[in-house]
Amino acid sequence: MDEIDREFIAFYQNVGKAYGMDSLMATIFARAFIEPGELAMSELAEETGYSLASVSNKIRQLEPSGLIARSTKPGTRKVYVHTDKDILKIALGQLLRARANETQPAAVEIPRMIERFEKEELSEKQQEKLEILRRYHRDMLKLDSALEEMLEKLEKLSRET
């Protein structure tokens, strides 16, 4: 690990905190991102001073977000990690997942919930909860629209580079 690695890792630890990453997760992502090629998981464990199991667990937590991927090479059991170096592509993936996992399901499921409970006799507290669901649904529709616009802009920017 050289000075460029250390400075980028220090920078990304602050960025990572804003996204709920702990220090080790941010270090793993930053180190893999700044590495031009693949990085052995065992090397990450050695550099960070954490066990291979701890590093593997953090990588497993990062994988579903698309921030990091693991691989092996034929004929070896050694595990390597790498990241896409195209930050616009990473951002596109994050936004697509947000739409697919939250805003689009909310557009379908929340109205069903509202419709179901509107037919029932509700207490005052339950009516307040129903209003919270209505507001959540309206906000999710607005957010989905904003995400769609952001996706279009990022796709355009990505094509320009």
Protein backbone atom coordinates (compact mmCIF):
# COMPACT_ATOMS: atom_id res chain seq x y z
CA MET A 1 0.00 0.00 0.00
CA ASP A 2 1.41 3.38 -0.98
CA GLU A 3 0.66 7.00 -0.10
CA ILE A 4 -2.02 7.33 -2.81
CA ASP A 5 -3.82 4.33 -1.31
CA ARG A 6 -3.60 5.74 2.21
CA GLU A 7 -4.89 9.20 1.25
CA PHE A 8 -7.78 7.83 -0.80
CA ILE A 9 -8.71 5.42 1.99
CA ALA A 10 -8.69 8.28 4.53
CA PHE A 11 -10.87 10.35 2.19
CA TYR A 12 -13.28 7.49 1.56
CA GLN A 13 -13.66 6.63 5.23
CA ASN A 14 -15.39 10.00 5.64
CA VAL A 15 -17.51 9.44 2.51
CA GLY A 16 -18.38 5.92 3.64
CA LYS A 17 -19.64 7.14 7.02
CA ALA A 18 -22.30 9.17 5.20
CA TYR A 19 -23.52 5.92 3.62
CA GLY A 20 -23.50 3.93 6.84
CA MET A 21 -20.23 2.14 6.19
CA ASP A 22 -17.98 1.32 9.08
CA SER A 23 -14.25 1.96 8.84
CA LEU A 24 -13.38 -1.51 7.55
CA MET A 25 -16.06 -1.50 4.85
CA ALA A 26 -14.95 1.93 3.63
CA THR A 27 -11.30 0.82 3.65
CA ILE A 28 -12.07 -2.34 1.67
CA PHE A 29 -14.05 -0.45 -0.97
CA ALA A 30 -11.51 2.38 -1.24
CA ARG A 31 -8.55 0.01 -1.45
CA ALA A 32 -10.24 -2.14 -4.11
CA PHE A 33 -11.37 0.95 -6.04
CA ILE A 34 -7.92 2.55 -6.18
CA GLU A 35 -6.24 -0.75 -7.12
CA PRO A 36 -5.86 -0.89 -10.94
CA GLY A 37 -6.45 -4.66 -11.02
CA GLU A 38 -7.73 -7.30 -8.66
CA LEU A 39 -6.74 -7.39 -5.02
CA ALA A 40 -6.34 -10.60 -3.04
CA MET A 41 -8.67 -10.80 -0.07
CA SER A 42 -5.78 -12.14 2.00
CA GLU A 43 -3.79 -9.01 1.12
CA LEU A 44 -6.68 -6.85 2.34
CA ALA A 45 -6.76 -8.78 5.61
CA GLU A 46 -3.03 -8.31 6.05
CA GLU A 47 -3.11 -4.59 5.21
CA THR A 48 -6.05 -3.83 7.50
CA GLY A 49 -4.99 -6.05 10.38
CA TYR A 50 -8.40 -7.76 10.41
CA SER A 51 -8.97 -11.48 10.08
CA LEU A 52 -9.74 -13.01 6.71
CA ALA A 53 -13.19 -13.92 8.07
CA SER A 54 -13.91 -10.29 9.05
CA VAL A 55 -12.79 -9.00 5.66
CA SER A 56 -14.84 -11.67 3.90
CA ASN A 57 -17.92 -10.73 5.95
CA LYS A 58 -17.59 -7.05 5.05
CA ILE A 59 -17.12 -7.91 1.36
CA ARG A 60 -20.27 -10.04 1.55
CA GLN A 61 -22.11 -6.98 2.89
CA LEU A 62 -20.79 -4.77 0.07
CA GLU A 63 -21.54 -7.18 -2.77
CA PRO A 64 -25.35 -6.74 -2.98
CA SER A 65 -24.91 -2.99 -3.44
CA GLY A 66 -22.74 -3.60 -6.49
CA LEU A 67 -19.82 -1.74 -4.97
CA ILE A 68 -17.50 -4.73 -4.97
CA ALA A 69 -17.26 -8.18 -6.55
CA ARG A 70 -15.23 -11.22 -5.66
CA SER A 71 -13.70 -13.78 -7.99
CA THR A 72 -11.29 -16.69 -8.06
CA LYS A 73 -8.72 -17.68 -10.64
CA PRO A 74 -8.74 -21.14 -12.21
CA GLY A 75 -6.57 -23.61 -10.34
CA THR A 76 -6.41 -21.58 -7.15
CA ARG A 77 -8.60 -21.15 -4.08
CA LYS A 78 -7.39 -17.59 -3.51
CA VAL A 79 -10.21 -15.05 -3.53
CA TYR A 80 -9.81 -11.68 -5.22
CA VAL A 81 -11.93 -8.53 -5.12
CA HIS A 82 -12.36 -5.76 -7.62
CA THR A 83 -14.58 -2.76 -8.24
CA ASP A 84 -15.81 -1.08 -11.36
CA LYS A 85 -13.69 2.03 -11.82
CA ASP A 86 -16.52 3.87 -13.61
CA ILE A 87 -18.15 5.78 -10.76
CA LEU A 88 -21.01 6.88 -13.02
CA LYS A 89 -21.80 3.23 -13.73
CA ILE A 90 -21.70 2.49 -10.00
CA ALA A 91 -24.08 5.40 -9.33
CA LEU A 92 -26.42 4.17 -12.08
CA GLY A 93 -26.49 0.75 -10.45
CA GLN A 94 -27.29 2.26 -7.05
CA LEU A 95 -30.17 4.29 -8.47
CA LEU A 96 -31.55 1.34 -10.43
CA ARG A 97 -31.52 -0.77 -7.26
CA ALA A 98 -33.27 2.01 -5.30
CA ARG A 99 -36.04 2.13 -7.90
CA ALA A 100 -36.36 -1.64 -8.21
CA ASN A 101 -36.31 -2.32 -4.47
CA GLU A 102 -38.21 0.60 -2.99
CA THR A 103 -39.91 3.22 -5.13
CA GLN A 104 -41.43 0.94 -7.78
CA PRO A 105 -42.70 -1.69 -5.29
CA ALA A 106 -44.14 1.14 -3.17
CA ALA A 107 -46.07 2.42 -6.20
CA VAL A 108 -47.83 -0.96 -6.42
CA GLU A 109 -48.03 -2.26 -2.85
CA ILE A 110 -48.87 0.84 -0.83
CA PRO A 111 -52.09 1.65 -2.77
CA ARG A 112 -53.23 -1.93 -2.13
CA MET A 113 -52.66 -1.46 1.59
CA ILE A 114 -54.46 1.88 1.59
CA GLU A 115 -57.41 0.49 -0.36
CA ARG A 116 -57.71 -2.49 1.96
CA PHE A 117 -57.68 -0.45 5.16
CA GLU A 118 -59.93 2.34 3.84
CA LYS A 119 -62.75 -0.22 3.76
CA GLU A 120 -62.40 -0.92 7.48
CA GLU A 121 -63.59 1.05 10.45
CA LEU A 122 -60.43 2.53 11.88
CA SER A 123 -59.51 4.14 15.17
CA GLU A 124 -58.12 7.66 15.15
CA LYS A 125 -54.59 6.32 15.51
CA GLN A 126 -55.11 3.89 12.62
CA GLN A 127 -56.46 6.75 10.47
CA GLU A 128 -53.28 8.69 11.24
CA LYS A 129 -51.24 5.66 10.17
CA LEU A 130 -53.24 5.45 6.94
CA GLU A 131 -52.48 9.11 6.27
CA ILE A 132 -48.78 8.39 6.84
CA LEU A 133 -49.04 5.62 4.23
CA ARG A 134 -50.73 8.02 1.77
CA ARG A 135 -47.96 10.58 2.27
CA TYR A 136 -45.31 7.86 1.93
CA HIS A 137 -46.91 6.74 -1.35
CA ARG A 138 -47.03 10.29 -2.74
CA ASP A 139 -43.41 10.86 -1.75
CA MET A 140 -42.30 7.54 -3.26
CA LEU A 141 -43.94 8.50 -6.57
CA LYS A 142 -42.11 11.84 -6.50
CA LEU A 143 -38.85 10.13 -5.59
CA ASP A 144 -39.29 7.56 -8.36
CA SER A 145 -39.80 10.36 -10.87
CA ALA A 146 -36.69 12.16 -9.61
CA LEU A 147 -34.67 8.93 -9.76
CA GLU A 148 -35.83 8.37 -13.33
CA GLU A 149 -34.63 11.86 -14.29
CA MET A 150 -31.31 11.29 -12.53
CA LEU A 151 -30.87 7.96 -14.31
CA GLU A 152 -31.45 9.62 -17.68
CA LYS A 153 -28.91 12.35 -16.87
CA LEU A 154 -26.31 9.86 -15.61
CA GLU A 155 -26.79 7.64 -18.65
CA LYS A 156 -26.24 10.68 -20.88
CA LEU A 157 -23.11 11.67 -18.93
CA SER A 158 -21.85 8.10 -19.08
CA ARG A 159 -22.20 8.04 -22.88
CA GLU A 160 -20.24 11.31 -23.14
CA THR A 161 -17.16 9.98 -21.34
